[in-house]
Amino acid sequence: MISEVASVAVRPVAGFVRGFSYPLRAIKFFRRKPGLLKYLAIPFFINLLVFVTTAYFGLDLFQGMLESYAPSTEVWYGILLYYLVWTVVLLLTTVVVFFSFTVIGNLIASPFNELLSEQTEELVHGTRNEESFSLRRFWKESRYAILVEIKKMAVFVSCMVVLFGLNFIPGIGSLIYAVLTPLFTLFFLVIEYMAFVLMRKQLSFTEQRRYIFKHPILMLGYACGVFCMLAIPFIQFFCIPLAVVGATLLWCDFPRIEQQN
């Protein structure tokens, strides 16, 4: 009886750990399949350019806000206020740079991520796409991928604005915001990167949501793994393609039941 209870208790932990490992498995997959690196090069330089640009304007924003709200002074409480405002402004600038990098980087690199996901699945299953690569096909799919990405980002930003408004509810507003915002961010990370493979399988948004909630602990672990990679300096440059490959590997291990029949 005790062993059965322990087994049930371990399963969610094992599922979370397995989901968390998929972005890391993508690193090993790139090492075994170096041919995929050509799909990594262009998104990497795009992400690097976006990060440098957002960091530059972020630092400019940081300096301007610091000069406006925390002018230098030699009074003790002025010094204390200076460092307090410095900390708040730094955190705000970091958030702005982080979300700008994530949103813009995903938007620009989305067509290449489509190709990366497709090639990953082909290598795992040992199959080839019947339709050969061409610039016409790439342009057609790029327009669709960017349009879908714009819609996803619009939904994400709108939801974040609504969640931010919860802070103005007296009493428990800030608590609700503190709980729902991380959960929504993790859910969005799953939707964002799993969509490259799920949409290729022609799953509607309802079907995608049903598939994701069928493996909640696994998806939660995957989202946490991606979030941790986004939070690590320099690693975040590679996070987007690693998340795409990790999501594709997850699908290959856990396809829909209909596809198994």
Protein backbone atom coordinates (compact mmCIF):
# COMPACT_ATOMS: atom_id res chain seq x y z
CA MET A 1 0.00 0.00 0.00
CA ILE A 2 2.76 2.42 0.96
CA SER A 3 4.71 1.61 -2.21
CA GLU A 4 1.62 2.32 -4.34
CA VAL A 5 1.12 5.72 -2.71
CA ALA A 6 4.81 6.50 -3.15
CA SER A 7 4.60 5.51 -6.82
CA VAL A 8 1.64 7.85 -7.40
CA ALA A 9 3.48 10.67 -5.61
CA VAL A 10 6.61 10.19 -7.70
CA ARG A 11 4.83 10.23 -11.08
CA PRO A 12 4.09 14.00 -11.10
CA VAL A 13 7.70 14.71 -10.07
CA ALA A 14 9.01 12.42 -12.80
CA GLY A 15 6.71 14.06 -15.34
CA PHE A 16 7.86 17.54 -14.33
CA VAL A 17 11.53 16.56 -14.50
CA ARG A 18 11.05 14.96 -17.90
CA GLY A 19 9.29 18.05 -19.24
CA PHE A 20 12.00 20.28 -17.77
CA SER A 21 14.64 18.21 -19.56
CA TYR A 22 13.35 18.68 -23.11
CA PRO A 23 15.02 22.07 -23.77
CA LEU A 24 18.25 20.48 -22.47
CA ARG A 25 17.74 17.41 -24.67
CA ALA A 26 17.66 19.80 -27.60
CA ILE A 27 21.33 20.62 -26.94
CA LYS A 28 22.27 16.93 -27.25
CA PHE A 29 20.12 16.66 -30.36
CA PHE A 30 22.04 19.50 -32.03
CA ARG A 31 25.30 17.74 -31.15
CA ARG A 32 24.09 14.48 -32.75
CA LYS A 33 22.60 16.25 -35.77
CA PRO A 34 25.01 19.10 -36.62
CA GLY A 35 23.20 19.65 -39.91
CA LEU A 36 20.51 21.48 -37.93
CA LEU A 37 22.98 24.21 -36.99
CA LYS A 38 22.30 25.98 -40.30
CA TYR A 39 18.75 26.58 -39.07
CA LEU A 40 20.18 27.93 -35.81
CA ALA A 41 22.59 30.45 -37.35
CA ILE A 42 20.10 32.96 -38.79
CA PRO A 43 17.77 33.06 -35.72
CA PHE A 44 20.86 33.41 -33.50
CA PHE A 45 22.09 36.52 -35.30
CA ILE A 46 18.55 37.90 -35.40
CA ASN A 47 18.19 37.39 -31.66
CA LEU A 48 21.64 38.88 -31.04
CA LEU A 49 20.76 41.98 -33.06
CA VAL A 50 17.39 42.34 -31.31
CA PHE A 51 18.99 41.90 -27.88
CA VAL A 52 21.75 44.45 -28.55
CA THR A 53 19.18 46.94 -29.84
CA THR A 54 16.76 46.50 -26.94
CA ALA A 55 19.62 46.53 -24.42
CA TYR A 56 20.96 49.78 -25.92
CA PHE A 57 17.61 51.55 -25.74
CA GLY A 58 16.94 49.91 -22.36
CA LEU A 59 20.13 51.37 -20.92
CA ASP A 60 19.22 54.75 -22.40
CA LEU A 61 15.80 54.46 -20.72
CA PHE A 62 17.48 53.41 -17.49
CA GLN A 63 19.81 56.40 -17.48
CA GLY A 64 17.01 58.85 -18.30
CA MET A 65 14.71 57.54 -15.56
CA LEU A 66 17.55 57.51 -13.07
CA GLU A 67 18.41 61.14 -13.75
CA SER A 68 14.74 62.17 -13.56
CA TYR A 69 13.66 60.32 -10.41
CA ALA A 70 16.91 59.91 -8.49
CA PRO A 71 19.11 63.01 -8.86
CA SER A 72 22.42 62.81 -7.04
CA THR A 73 22.52 64.25 -3.52
CA GLU A 74 24.74 64.03 -0.45
CA VAL A 75 21.91 63.92 2.12
CA TRP A 76 21.63 60.46 3.76
CA TYR A 77 17.96 59.98 2.93
CA GLY A 78 18.67 61.23 -0.58
CA ILE A 79 21.36 58.57 -1.00
CA LEU A 80 18.97 55.92 0.36
CA LEU A 81 16.26 57.09 -2.07
CA TYR A 82 18.80 57.09 -4.91
CA TYR A 83 19.71 53.44 -4.43
CA LEU A 84 16.06 52.46 -3.94
CA VAL A 85 15.01 54.14 -7.17
CA TRP A 86 18.12 52.74 -8.89
CA THR A 87 17.03 49.20 -7.97
CA VAL A 88 13.41 49.74 -9.11
CA VAL A 89 14.46 51.35 -12.39
CA LEU A 90 16.98 48.57 -13.07
CA LEU A 91 14.31 45.91 -12.54
CA LEU A 92 11.86 47.80 -14.75
CA THR A 93 14.47 48.17 -17.50
CA THR A 94 15.33 44.48 -17.27
CA VAL A 95 11.65 43.53 -17.67
CA VAL A 96 11.28 45.86 -20.68
CA VAL A 97 14.41 44.45 -22.36
CA PHE A 98 13.39 40.85 -21.55
CA PHE A 99 9.90 41.09 -23.02
CA SER A 100 11.04 43.19 -26.00
CA PHE A 101 13.70 40.62 -26.78
CA THR A 102 11.29 37.70 -26.39
CA VAL A 103 8.42 39.22 -28.38
CA ILE A 104 10.45 40.72 -31.25
CA GLY A 105 12.87 37.80 -31.43
CA ASN A 106 10.05 35.27 -31.67
CA LEU A 107 8.25 37.35 -34.29
CA ILE A 108 11.22 37.74 -36.64
CA ALA A 109 12.58 34.21 -36.21
CA SER A 110 9.21 32.41 -36.50
CA PRO A 111 9.63 31.32 -40.17
CA PHE A 112 13.03 29.78 -39.39
CA ASN A 113 11.58 28.10 -36.31
CA GLU A 114 8.95 26.46 -38.53
CA LEU A 115 11.70 24.96 -40.69
CA LEU A 116 13.70 23.94 -37.62
CA SER A 117 10.75 22.09 -36.10
CA GLU A 118 9.95 20.36 -39.37
CA GLN A 119 13.55 19.22 -39.91
CA THR A 120 13.79 18.00 -36.32
CA GLU A 121 10.72 15.79 -36.69
CA GLU A 122 12.02 14.42 -39.98
CA LEU A 123 15.33 13.47 -38.36
CA VAL A 124 13.60 11.80 -35.40
CA HIS A 125 11.21 9.75 -37.55
CA GLY A 126 13.59 9.25 -40.46
CA THR A 127 11.07 10.65 -42.97
CA ARG A 128 11.29 13.36 -45.59
CA ASN A 129 8.84 16.09 -46.49
CA GLU A 130 7.26 15.34 -49.85
CA GLU A 131 7.34 19.02 -50.77
CA SER A 132 10.92 20.11 -51.42
CA PHE A 133 12.27 23.38 -50.06
CA SER A 134 11.90 26.46 -52.25
CA LEU A 135 12.02 30.22 -51.72
CA ARG A 136 8.40 30.47 -52.87
CA ARG A 137 7.26 27.95 -50.26
CA PHE A 138 9.42 29.59 -47.59
CA TRP A 139 7.97 33.04 -48.33
CA LYS A 140 4.42 31.69 -48.29
CA GLU A 141 4.91 29.91 -44.98
CA SER A 142 6.84 32.87 -43.54
CA ARG A 143 3.94 35.25 -44.08
CA TYR A 144 1.56 32.82 -42.37
CA ALA A 145 3.98 32.17 -39.48
CA ILE A 146 4.54 35.88 -38.86
CA LEU A 147 0.79 36.58 -38.99
CA VAL A 148 0.11 33.85 -36.42
CA GLU A 149 2.97 35.15 -34.27
CA ILE A 150 1.54 38.68 -34.33
CA LYS A 151 -1.84 37.34 -33.18
CA LYS A 152 -0.23 35.36 -30.34
CA MET A 153 1.80 38.33 -29.20
CA ALA A 154 -1.26 40.59 -29.31
CA VAL A 155 -3.15 38.14 -27.10
CA PHE A 156 -0.18 37.86 -24.73
CA VAL A 157 0.28 41.62 -24.36
CA SER A 158 -3.49 42.17 -23.93
CA CYS A 159 -3.69 39.52 -21.22
CA MET A 160 -0.66 40.95 -19.44
CA VAL A 161 -2.28 44.42 -19.44
CA VAL A 162 -5.49 42.92 -17.98
CA LEU A 163 -3.51 41.06 -15.33
CA PHE A 164 -1.59 44.22 -14.47
CA GLY A 165 -4.92 45.96 -13.87
CA LEU A 166 -5.58 43.49 -11.04
CA ASN A 167 -3.05 45.44 -8.96
CA PHE A 168 -5.57 48.25 -8.65
CA ILE A 169 -8.09 46.01 -6.88
CA PRO A 170 -7.85 46.88 -3.18
CA GLY A 171 -6.71 44.17 -0.83
CA ILE A 172 -6.12 40.95 -2.74
CA GLY A 173 -5.49 42.43 -6.21
CA SER A 174 -1.72 42.33 -5.95
CA LEU A 175 -1.81 38.79 -4.55
CA ILE A 176 -3.97 37.56 -7.43
CA TYR A 177 -1.64 39.29 -9.89
CA ALA A 178 1.42 37.68 -8.28
CA VAL A 179 -0.14 34.21 -8.64
CA LEU A 180 -1.76 34.46 -12.07
CA THR A 181 1.02 36.26 -13.95
CA PRO A 182 3.70 33.53 -13.58
CA LEU A 183 1.12 30.83 -14.38
CA PHE A 184 -0.02 32.68 -17.49
CA THR A 185 3.58 33.30 -18.58
CA LEU A 186 4.38 29.59 -18.30
CA PHE A 187 1.20 28.68 -20.20
CA PHE A 188 2.12 31.16 -22.92
CA LEU A 189 5.62 29.67 -23.26
CA VAL A 190 4.03 26.26 -23.88
CA ILE A 191 1.57 27.69 -26.42
CA GLU A 192 4.32 29.69 -28.10
CA TYR A 193 6.79 26.89 -28.77
CA MET A 194 4.52 23.85 -28.99
CA ALA A 195 2.52 25.71 -31.67
CA PHE A 196 5.26 25.21 -34.26
CA VAL A 197 4.64 21.47 -34.27
CA LEU A 198 0.96 21.46 -33.29
CA MET A 199 -0.08 23.86 -36.05
CA ARG A 200 1.91 21.84 -38.58
CA LYS A 201 -0.30 18.91 -37.54
CA GLN A 202 -3.28 21.16 -38.37
CA LEU A 203 -4.61 21.21 -34.82
CA SER A 204 -7.03 24.00 -34.01
CA PHE A 205 -6.44 26.16 -30.95
CA THR A 206 -9.05 24.13 -29.05
CA GLU A 207 -7.28 20.89 -29.98
CA GLN A 208 -3.91 22.39 -29.03
CA ARG A 209 -5.27 23.41 -25.64
CA ARG A 210 -6.79 19.95 -25.14
CA TYR A 211 -3.47 18.28 -26.00
CA ILE A 212 -1.54 20.56 -23.63
CA PHE A 213 -3.90 20.05 -20.69
CA LYS A 214 -3.79 16.31 -21.26
CA HIS A 215 -0.14 16.44 -20.08
CA PRO A 216 -0.25 19.29 -17.52
CA ILE A 217 2.74 18.30 -15.37
CA LEU A 218 4.88 17.51 -18.40
CA MET A 219 4.02 20.85 -19.99
CA LEU A 220 4.61 22.72 -16.74
CA GLY A 221 8.08 21.20 -16.49
CA TYR A 222 8.82 22.10 -20.12
CA ALA A 223 7.68 25.71 -19.59
CA CYS A 224 9.82 26.05 -16.45
CA GLY A 225 12.82 24.71 -18.37
CA VAL A 226 12.32 27.30 -21.12
CA PHE A 227 11.78 30.09 -18.60
CA CYS A 228 15.02 29.23 -16.78
CA MET A 229 16.94 29.31 -20.05
CA LEU A 230 15.46 32.72 -20.91
CA ALA A 231 16.64 34.04 -17.56
CA ILE A 232 20.29 32.98 -18.05
CA PRO A 233 22.49 35.61 -19.77
CA PHE A 234 23.94 34.59 -23.15
CA ILE A 235 22.03 31.26 -23.05
CA GLN A 236 18.92 33.26 -23.90
CA PHE A 237 20.36 33.86 -27.39
CA PHE A 238 19.96 30.12 -28.05
CA CYS A 239 16.78 29.64 -26.03
CA ILE A 240 14.26 30.09 -28.85
CA PRO A 241 15.64 27.39 -31.20
CA LEU A 242 16.33 25.07 -28.25
CA ALA A 243 12.73 25.53 -27.07
CA VAL A 244 11.43 24.79 -30.57
CA VAL A 245 13.49 21.60 -30.88
CA GLY A 246 12.57 20.60 -27.32
CA ALA A 247 8.87 21.04 -28.08
CA THR A 248 9.21 18.94 -31.24
CA LEU A 249 11.01 16.17 -29.34
CA LEU A 250 8.24 16.26 -26.73
CA TRP A 251 5.62 15.82 -29.47
CA CYS A 252 7.57 12.93 -30.98
CA ASP A 253 7.55 11.18 -27.58
CA PHE A 254 3.92 12.05 -26.80
CA PRO A 255 1.96 12.28 -30.08
CA ARG A 256 -1.82 12.51 -30.13
CA ILE A 257 -3.69 9.24 -29.58
CA GLU A 258 -5.31 9.60 -32.98
CA GLN A 259 -1.88 9.64 -34.61
CA GLN A 260 -0.84 6.43 -32.89
CA ASN A 261 -3.75 4.42 -34.33
